[in-house]
Amino acid sequence: MADVLEFNDISAEIKGAMNPGRLKFSDTGISFKNNRTGKVEQLSASDLELCNWQKLVGNWGLRLFLKNGQLHRFMGFKESELDKVAKFFKNKFSHDLLEKELSVKGWNWGTAKFNGAVLNFEVNSLTAFELPLSNVSQCTTGKNEVTVEFHQNDDAPVSLMEIRFHIPPSELAGDDPVDSFHSQVMQKASVISVSGDAIAIFREIHCLTPRGRYDIKVFSS
């Protein structure tokens, strides 16, 4: 077996946008070079915890979950390449590359689970979608509801701005599932924060996107 595998037409997901580049597998790990920026991202083989195939529209994707809780996803593999990549992962990284089945029911109710720095939404024990919490810019709560807002990517033609989760109240005394959900999101979220006193505050401003009423604070810098 070759010591190196290279794929020239693979895209990496970065904040919802697919960035084309070159993906390389070697004995020591995985590297991805972004065609547009030239930036190279390195993943060590010793950091891999779980590796999966995912069937996507028209091709296959590679899902890599790291020991530090981070998630990396690459797409653009042909079906004829699956066996070759799976053998490389088994022989070089000692990881089985199994297919991760996804839920395609289209239901909007299910179970939210937190795994490392990823929020996984499951329907009938199958993943419907998963959100890297490092993409979260803010998280707020309401009555039986949590609103999650996301950092925007200028390279993405369409961006997810927010998603709202309705969380039924718990019958257990002292257990607030909304606060628990919010706390777990905020532990891994990349929230933009400012310091100092605001020079002006506009209260209860109605916003169309994201929808709702917000206080707007203006700072000197």
C-alpha atoms as a PDB file:
ATOM      1  CA  MET A   1       0.000   0.000   0.000  1.00  0.00           C
ATOM      2  CA  ALA A   2       1.173   3.527  -0.819  1.00  0.00           C
ATOM      3  CA  ASP A   3       2.450   5.637   2.077  1.00  0.00           C
ATOM      4  CA  VAL A   4       0.560   8.685   0.769  1.00  0.00           C
ATOM      5  CA  LEU A   5      -2.882   9.234  -0.760  1.00  0.00           C
ATOM      6  CA  GLU A   6      -3.757  12.539  -2.456  1.00  0.00           C
ATOM      7  CA  PHE A   7      -7.046  13.887  -3.795  1.00  0.00           C
ATOM      8  CA  ASN A   8      -7.109  17.115  -5.805  1.00  0.00           C
ATOM      9  CA  ASP A   9     -10.831  17.853  -6.018  1.00  0.00           C
ATOM     10  CA  ILE A  10     -11.952  17.744  -2.386  1.00  0.00           C
ATOM     11  CA  SER A  11     -13.770  20.512  -0.521  1.00  0.00           C
ATOM     12  CA  ALA A  12     -13.597  21.265   3.199  1.00  0.00           C
ATOM     13  CA  GLU A  13     -16.580  22.693   5.044  1.00  0.00           C
ATOM     14  CA  ILE A  14     -15.764  25.985   6.784  1.00  0.00           C
ATOM     15  CA  LYS A  15     -18.678  27.791   8.463  1.00  0.00           C
ATOM     16  CA  GLY A  16     -21.192  26.378   6.007  1.00  0.00           C
ATOM     17  CA  ALA A  17     -19.167  27.075   2.843  1.00  0.00           C
ATOM     18  CA  MET A  18     -17.399  24.408   0.818  1.00  0.00           C
ATOM     19  CA  ASN A  19     -13.780  25.392   0.137  1.00  0.00           C
ATOM     20  CA  PRO A  20     -12.057  23.449  -2.677  1.00  0.00           C
ATOM     21  CA  GLY A  21      -8.534  22.220  -2.198  1.00  0.00           C
ATOM     22  CA  ARG A  22      -6.171  19.260  -2.020  1.00  0.00           C
ATOM     23  CA  LEU A  23      -6.502  16.577   0.653  1.00  0.00           C
ATOM     24  CA  LYS A  24      -3.505  14.431   1.558  1.00  0.00           C
ATOM     25  CA  PHE A  25      -3.275  11.332   3.774  1.00  0.00           C
ATOM     26  CA  SER A  26       0.121  10.238   5.125  1.00  0.00           C
ATOM     27  CA  ASP A  27       1.463   8.017   7.907  1.00  0.00           C
ATOM     28  CA  THR A  28       1.461  10.916  10.367  1.00  0.00           C
ATOM     29  CA  GLY A  29      -1.943  12.403   9.605  1.00  0.00           C
ATOM     30  CA  ILE A  30      -4.093  14.439   7.245  1.00  0.00           C
ATOM     31  CA  SER A  31      -3.490  17.796   5.575  1.00  0.00           C
ATOM     32  CA  PHE A  32      -5.780  20.025   3.527  1.00  0.00           C
ATOM     33  CA  LYS A  33      -4.529  22.904   1.358  1.00  0.00           C
ATOM     34  CA  ASN A  34      -7.116  25.557   0.503  1.00  0.00           C
ATOM     35  CA  ASN A  35      -6.933  26.429  -3.217  1.00  0.00           C
ATOM     36  CA  ARG A  36      -8.067  30.017  -2.680  1.00  0.00           C
ATOM     37  CA  THR A  37      -6.050  31.039   0.376  1.00  0.00           C
ATOM     38  CA  GLY A  38      -3.160  28.580   0.189  1.00  0.00           C
ATOM     39  CA  LYS A  39      -3.634  27.858   3.897  1.00  0.00           C
ATOM     40  CA  VAL A  40      -2.711  24.336   5.001  1.00  0.00           C
ATOM     41  CA  GLU A  41      -4.569  22.670   7.872  1.00  0.00           C
ATOM     42  CA  GLN A  42      -2.944  19.704   9.590  1.00  0.00           C
ATOM     43  CA  LEU A  43      -4.685  16.928  11.535  1.00  0.00           C
ATOM     44  CA  SER A  44      -2.523  14.470  13.451  1.00  0.00           C
ATOM     45  CA  ALA A  45      -3.357  10.770  13.173  1.00  0.00           C
ATOM     46  CA  SER A  46      -3.079  10.452  16.960  1.00  0.00           C
ATOM     47  CA  ASP A  47      -5.866  13.049  17.384  1.00  0.00           C
ATOM     48  CA  LEU A  48      -8.460  11.039  15.441  1.00  0.00           C
ATOM     49  CA  GLU A  49     -11.230   9.515  17.535  1.00  0.00           C
ATOM     50  CA  LEU A  50     -13.982   8.609  15.057  1.00  0.00           C
ATOM     51  CA  CYS A  51     -13.958   8.443  11.249  1.00  0.00           C
ATOM     52  CA  ASN A  52     -17.024   7.995   9.038  1.00  0.00           C
ATOM     53  CA  TRP A  53     -18.232   8.039   5.467  1.00  0.00           C
ATOM     54  CA  GLN A  54     -21.362  10.079   4.752  1.00  0.00           C
ATOM     55  CA  LYS A  55     -23.458   9.796   1.586  1.00  0.00           C
ATOM     56  CA  LEU A  56     -23.986  13.275   0.172  1.00  0.00           C
ATOM     57  CA  VAL A  57     -25.696  14.642  -2.933  1.00  0.00           C
ATOM     58  CA  GLY A  58     -23.794  13.238  -5.906  1.00  0.00           C
ATOM     59  CA  ASN A  59     -20.709  12.123  -3.970  1.00  0.00           C
ATOM     60  CA  TRP A  60     -19.360  10.972  -0.615  1.00  0.00           C
ATOM     61  CA  GLY A  61     -18.080  12.894   2.383  1.00  0.00           C
ATOM     62  CA  LEU A  62     -15.503  12.131   5.056  1.00  0.00           C
ATOM     63  CA  ARG A  63     -16.384  12.987   8.677  1.00  0.00           C
ATOM     64  CA  LEU A  64     -13.523  13.203  11.182  1.00  0.00           C
ATOM     65  CA  PHE A  65     -14.235  13.648  14.891  1.00  0.00           C
ATOM     66  CA  LEU A  66     -11.177  14.510  16.992  1.00  0.00           C
ATOM     67  CA  LYS A  67     -10.327  13.691  20.601  1.00  0.00           C
ATOM     68  CA  ASN A  68     -10.599  17.393  21.510  1.00  0.00           C
ATOM     69  CA  GLY A  69     -14.262  17.392  20.404  1.00  0.00           C
ATOM     70  CA  GLN A  70     -13.741  19.225  17.095  1.00  0.00           C
ATOM     71  CA  LEU A  71     -15.432  18.084  13.875  1.00  0.00           C
ATOM     72  CA  HIS A  72     -13.953  18.253  10.358  1.00  0.00           C
ATOM     73  CA  ARG A  73     -15.861  17.380   7.184  1.00  0.00           C
ATOM     74  CA  PHE A  74     -14.632  16.922   3.610  1.00  0.00           C
ATOM     75  CA  MET A  75     -16.653  16.138   0.490  1.00  0.00           C
ATOM     76  CA  GLY A  76     -16.039  15.196  -3.130  1.00  0.00           C
ATOM     77  CA  PHE A  77     -15.025  11.531  -2.950  1.00  0.00           C
ATOM     78  CA  LYS A  78     -16.135   9.114  -5.654  1.00  0.00           C
ATOM     79  CA  GLU A  79     -17.710   5.799  -4.729  1.00  0.00           C
ATOM     80  CA  SER A  80     -14.826   3.987  -6.446  1.00  0.00           C
ATOM     81  CA  GLU A  81     -12.392   5.627  -3.992  1.00  0.00           C
ATOM     82  CA  LEU A  82     -14.109   4.460  -0.803  1.00  0.00           C
ATOM     83  CA  ASP A  83     -12.387   1.091  -0.520  1.00  0.00           C
ATOM     84  CA  LYS A  84      -8.921   2.565  -1.090  1.00  0.00           C
ATOM     85  CA  VAL A  85      -9.391   5.243   1.574  1.00  0.00           C
ATOM     86  CA  ALA A  86     -10.929   2.774   4.050  1.00  0.00           C
ATOM     87  CA  LYS A  87      -7.931   0.427   3.716  1.00  0.00           C
ATOM     88  CA  PHE A  88      -5.528   3.337   4.246  1.00  0.00           C
ATOM     89  CA  PHE A  89      -7.311   4.417   7.437  1.00  0.00           C
ATOM     90  CA  LYS A  90      -7.329   0.834   8.726  1.00  0.00           C
ATOM     91  CA  ASN A  91      -3.651   0.139   7.995  1.00  0.00           C
ATOM     92  CA  LYS A  92      -2.129   3.545   8.783  1.00  0.00           C
ATOM     93  CA  PHE A  93      -4.445   5.057  11.406  1.00  0.00           C
ATOM     94  CA  SER A  94      -5.970   1.876  12.937  1.00  0.00           C
ATOM     95  CA  HIS A  95      -9.472   3.276  12.407  1.00  0.00           C
ATOM     96  CA  ASP A  96     -12.396   1.569  10.707  1.00  0.00           C
ATOM     97  CA  LEU A  97     -14.083   3.871   8.216  1.00  0.00           C
ATOM     98  CA  LEU A  98     -17.780   3.039   8.572  1.00  0.00           C
ATOM     99  CA  GLU A  99     -20.743   4.692   6.902  1.00  0.00           C
ATOM    100  CA  LYS A 100     -22.732   7.072   9.116  1.00  0.00           C
ATOM    101  CA  GLU A 101     -26.384   6.782   8.161  1.00  0.00           C
ATOM    102  CA  LEU A 102     -28.346  10.033   8.195  1.00  0.00           C
ATOM    103  CA  SER A 103     -32.019  10.676   8.881  1.00  0.00           C
ATOM    104  CA  VAL A 104     -33.839  11.975   5.802  1.00  0.00           C
ATOM    105  CA  LYS A 105     -37.366  11.998   7.250  1.00  0.00           C
ATOM    106  CA  GLY A 106     -37.468  15.793   7.320  1.00  0.00           C
ATOM    107  CA  TRP A 107     -38.895  15.895  10.842  1.00  0.00           C
ATOM    108  CA  ASN A 108     -38.228  18.984  12.954  1.00  0.00           C
ATOM    109  CA  TRP A 109     -38.540  17.213  16.308  1.00  0.00           C
ATOM    110  CA  GLY A 110     -36.036  14.836  17.819  1.00  0.00           C
ATOM    111  CA  THR A 111     -33.281  14.612  20.424  1.00  0.00           C
ATOM    112  CA  ALA A 112     -30.422  17.089  20.847  1.00  0.00           C
ATOM    113  CA  LYS A 113     -27.160  15.567  22.071  1.00  0.00           C
ATOM    114  CA  PHE A 114     -23.876  17.301  22.862  1.00  0.00           C
ATOM    115  CA  ASN A 115     -20.684  15.492  21.922  1.00  0.00           C
ATOM    116  CA  GLY A 116     -17.495  17.457  22.454  1.00  0.00           C
ATOM    117  CA  ALA A 117     -17.840  20.751  20.581  1.00  0.00           C
ATOM    118  CA  VAL A 118     -20.690  19.481  18.386  1.00  0.00           C
ATOM    119  CA  LEU A 119     -24.470  19.632  18.764  1.00  0.00           C
ATOM    120  CA  ASN A 120     -26.009  16.543  17.185  1.00  0.00           C
ATOM    121  CA  PHE A 121     -29.752  16.536  16.422  1.00  0.00           C
ATOM    122  CA  GLU A 122     -31.113  13.002  16.084  1.00  0.00           C
ATOM    123  CA  VAL A 123     -34.375  11.623  14.716  1.00  0.00           C
ATOM    124  CA  ASN A 124     -35.037   7.986  15.620  1.00  0.00           C
ATOM    125  CA  SER A 125     -31.383   7.619  16.733  1.00  0.00           C
ATOM    126  CA  LEU A 126     -30.083   8.804  13.330  1.00  0.00           C
ATOM    127  CA  THR A 127     -28.344  12.145  12.797  1.00  0.00           C
ATOM    128  CA  ALA A 128     -30.558  14.710  11.064  1.00  0.00           C
ATOM    129  CA  PHE A 129     -27.946  17.470  11.316  1.00  0.00           C
ATOM    130  CA  GLU A 130     -24.978  18.442  13.449  1.00  0.00           C
ATOM    131  CA  LEU A 131     -23.666  21.893  14.330  1.00  0.00           C
ATOM    132  CA  PRO A 132     -20.051  22.688  15.258  1.00  0.00           C
ATOM    133  CA  LEU A 133     -20.484  24.930  18.303  1.00  0.00           C
ATOM    134  CA  SER A 134     -17.412  26.962  17.334  1.00  0.00           C
ATOM    135  CA  ASN A 135     -19.663  28.472  14.629  1.00  0.00           C
ATOM    136  CA  VAL A 136     -22.057  29.858  17.263  1.00  0.00           C
ATOM    137  CA  SER A 137     -21.829  33.622  17.824  1.00  0.00           C
ATOM    138  CA  GLN A 138     -24.594  33.974  20.433  1.00  0.00           C
ATOM    139  CA  CYS A 139     -27.152  31.923  22.334  1.00  0.00           C
ATOM    140  CA  THR A 140     -30.209  33.353  24.098  1.00  0.00           C
ATOM    141  CA  THR A 141     -33.137  31.854  25.968  1.00  0.00           C
ATOM    142  CA  GLY A 142     -36.873  32.433  26.158  1.00  0.00           C
ATOM    143  CA  LYS A 143     -39.804  30.541  27.602  1.00  0.00           C
ATOM    144  CA  ASN A 144     -39.247  26.904  26.581  1.00  0.00           C
ATOM    145  CA  GLU A 145     -36.991  28.128  23.761  1.00  0.00           C
ATOM    146  CA  VAL A 146     -33.307  28.557  22.938  1.00  0.00           C
ATOM    147  CA  THR A 147     -32.132  30.691  20.000  1.00  0.00           C
ATOM    148  CA  VAL A 148     -28.705  29.914  18.535  1.00  0.00           C
ATOM    149  CA  GLU A 149     -27.070  32.494  16.228  1.00  0.00           C
ATOM    150  CA  PHE A 150     -24.108  31.831  13.935  1.00  0.00           C
ATOM    151  CA  HIS A 151     -21.020  33.581  12.620  1.00  0.00           C
ATOM    152  CA  GLN A 152     -21.484  34.512   8.972  1.00  0.00           C
ATOM    153  CA  ASN A 153     -19.130  33.364   6.220  1.00  0.00           C
ATOM    154  CA  ASP A 154     -18.726  35.855   3.353  1.00  0.00           C
ATOM    155  CA  ASP A 155     -17.720  32.996   1.029  1.00  0.00           C
ATOM    156  CA  ALA A 156     -21.015  31.148   1.549  1.00  0.00           C
ATOM    157  CA  PRO A 157     -23.721  31.919  -1.061  1.00  0.00           C
ATOM    158  CA  VAL A 158     -26.374  31.142   1.572  1.00  0.00           C
ATOM    159  CA  SER A 159     -25.796  31.372   5.328  1.00  0.00           C
ATOM    160  CA  LEU A 160     -27.706  29.984   8.280  1.00  0.00           C
ATOM    161  CA  MET A 161     -28.211  32.941  10.607  1.00  0.00           C
ATOM    162  CA  GLU A 162     -30.094  31.365  13.490  1.00  0.00           C
ATOM    163  CA  ILE A 163     -31.981  28.297  14.594  1.00  0.00           C
ATOM    164  CA  ARG A 164     -34.526  28.016  17.400  1.00  0.00           C
ATOM    165  CA  PHE A 165     -35.070  24.972  19.566  1.00  0.00           C
ATOM    166  CA  HIS A 166     -38.340  24.450  21.418  1.00  0.00           C
ATOM    167  CA  ILE A 167     -37.592  22.554  24.626  1.00  0.00           C
ATOM    168  CA  PRO A 168     -40.545  21.166  26.625  1.00  0.00           C
ATOM    169  CA  PRO A 169     -40.404  21.776  30.393  1.00  0.00           C
ATOM    170  CA  SER A 170     -39.077  19.026  32.622  1.00  0.00           C
ATOM    171  CA  GLU A 171     -41.199  17.378  35.302  1.00  0.00           C
ATOM    172  CA  LEU A 172     -38.147  16.985  37.543  1.00  0.00           C
ATOM    173  CA  ALA A 173     -37.949  19.529  40.347  1.00  0.00           C
ATOM    174  CA  GLY A 174     -35.038  21.950  40.033  1.00  0.00           C
ATOM    175  CA  ASP A 175     -34.143  20.804  36.524  1.00  0.00           C
ATOM    176  CA  ASP A 176     -34.482  23.522  33.861  1.00  0.00           C
ATOM    177  CA  PRO A 177     -33.742  21.958  30.436  1.00  0.00           C
ATOM    178  CA  VAL A 178     -33.588  25.395  28.764  1.00  0.00           C
ATOM    179  CA  ASP A 179     -30.816  26.589  31.089  1.00  0.00           C
ATOM    180  CA  SER A 180     -28.990  23.275  30.713  1.00  0.00           C
ATOM    181  CA  PHE A 181     -29.142  23.461  26.904  1.00  0.00           C
ATOM    182  CA  HIS A 182     -27.980  27.092  26.921  1.00  0.00           C
ATOM    183  CA  SER A 183     -25.091  26.307  29.269  1.00  0.00           C
ATOM    184  CA  GLN A 184     -23.798  23.454  27.110  1.00  0.00           C
ATOM    185  CA  VAL A 185     -23.899  25.601  23.967  1.00  0.00           C
ATOM    186  CA  MET A 186     -22.095  28.510  25.623  1.00  0.00           C
ATOM    187  CA  GLN A 187     -19.306  26.280  26.943  1.00  0.00           C
ATOM    188  CA  LYS A 188     -18.079  25.676  23.371  1.00  0.00           C
ATOM    189  CA  ALA A 189     -19.488  28.701  21.501  1.00  0.00           C
ATOM    190  CA  SER A 190     -17.248  31.373  19.983  1.00  0.00           C
ATOM    191  CA  VAL A 191     -19.135  34.365  21.371  1.00  0.00           C
ATOM    192  CA  ILE A 192     -18.075  37.879  20.398  1.00  0.00           C
ATOM    193  CA  SER A 193     -17.698  39.927  23.575  1.00  0.00           C
ATOM    194  CA  VAL A 194     -16.929  43.578  24.237  1.00  0.00           C
ATOM    195  CA  SER A 195     -15.702  45.372  27.341  1.00  0.00           C
ATOM    196  CA  GLY A 196     -16.183  48.835  28.766  1.00  0.00           C
ATOM    197  CA  ASP A 197     -19.237  51.053  29.117  1.00  0.00           C
ATOM    198  CA  ALA A 198     -21.635  51.629  26.242  1.00  0.00           C
ATOM    199  CA  ILE A 199     -21.894  55.246  25.031  1.00  0.00           C
ATOM    200  CA  ALA A 200     -25.482  54.673  23.850  1.00  0.00           C
ATOM    201  CA  ILE A 201     -28.164  52.008  24.293  1.00  0.00           C
ATOM    202  CA  PHE A 202     -31.236  51.576  22.080  1.00  0.00           C
ATOM    203  CA  ARG A 203     -33.876  49.508  23.870  1.00  0.00           C
ATOM    204  CA  GLU A 204     -36.281  46.966  22.368  1.00  0.00           C
ATOM    205  CA  ILE A 205     -35.364  47.555  18.714  1.00  0.00           C
ATOM    206  CA  HIS A 206     -37.392  45.374  16.359  1.00  0.00           C
ATOM    207  CA  CYS A 207     -35.190  43.357  13.963  1.00  0.00           C
ATOM    208  CA  LEU A 208     -36.329  41.418  10.922  1.00  0.00           C
ATOM    209  CA  THR A 209     -33.189  39.224  10.789  1.00  0.00           C
ATOM    210  CA  PRO A 210     -32.643  37.668  13.245  1.00  0.00           C
ATOM    211  CA  ARG A 211     -36.309  38.131  14.121  1.00  0.00           C
ATOM    212  CA  GLY A 212     -37.134  39.616  17.510  1.00  0.00           C
ATOM    213  CA  ARG A 213     -36.604  42.655  19.718  1.00  0.00           C
ATOM    214  CA  TYR A 214     -33.086  43.466  20.869  1.00  0.00           C
ATOM    215  CA  ASP A 215     -31.161  46.043  22.866  1.00  0.00           C
ATOM    216  CA  ILE A 216     -28.435  47.629  20.722  1.00  0.00           C
ATOM    217  CA  LYS A 217     -25.360  48.920  22.542  1.00  0.00           C
ATOM    218  CA  VAL A 218     -22.846  51.270  20.909  1.00  0.00           C
ATOM    219  CA  PHE A 219     -19.228  51.263  22.111  1.00  0.00           C
ATOM    220  CA  SER A 220     -16.430  53.686  21.351  1.00  0.00           C
ATOM    221  CA  SER A 221     -14.246  50.934  19.867  1.00  0.00           C
END
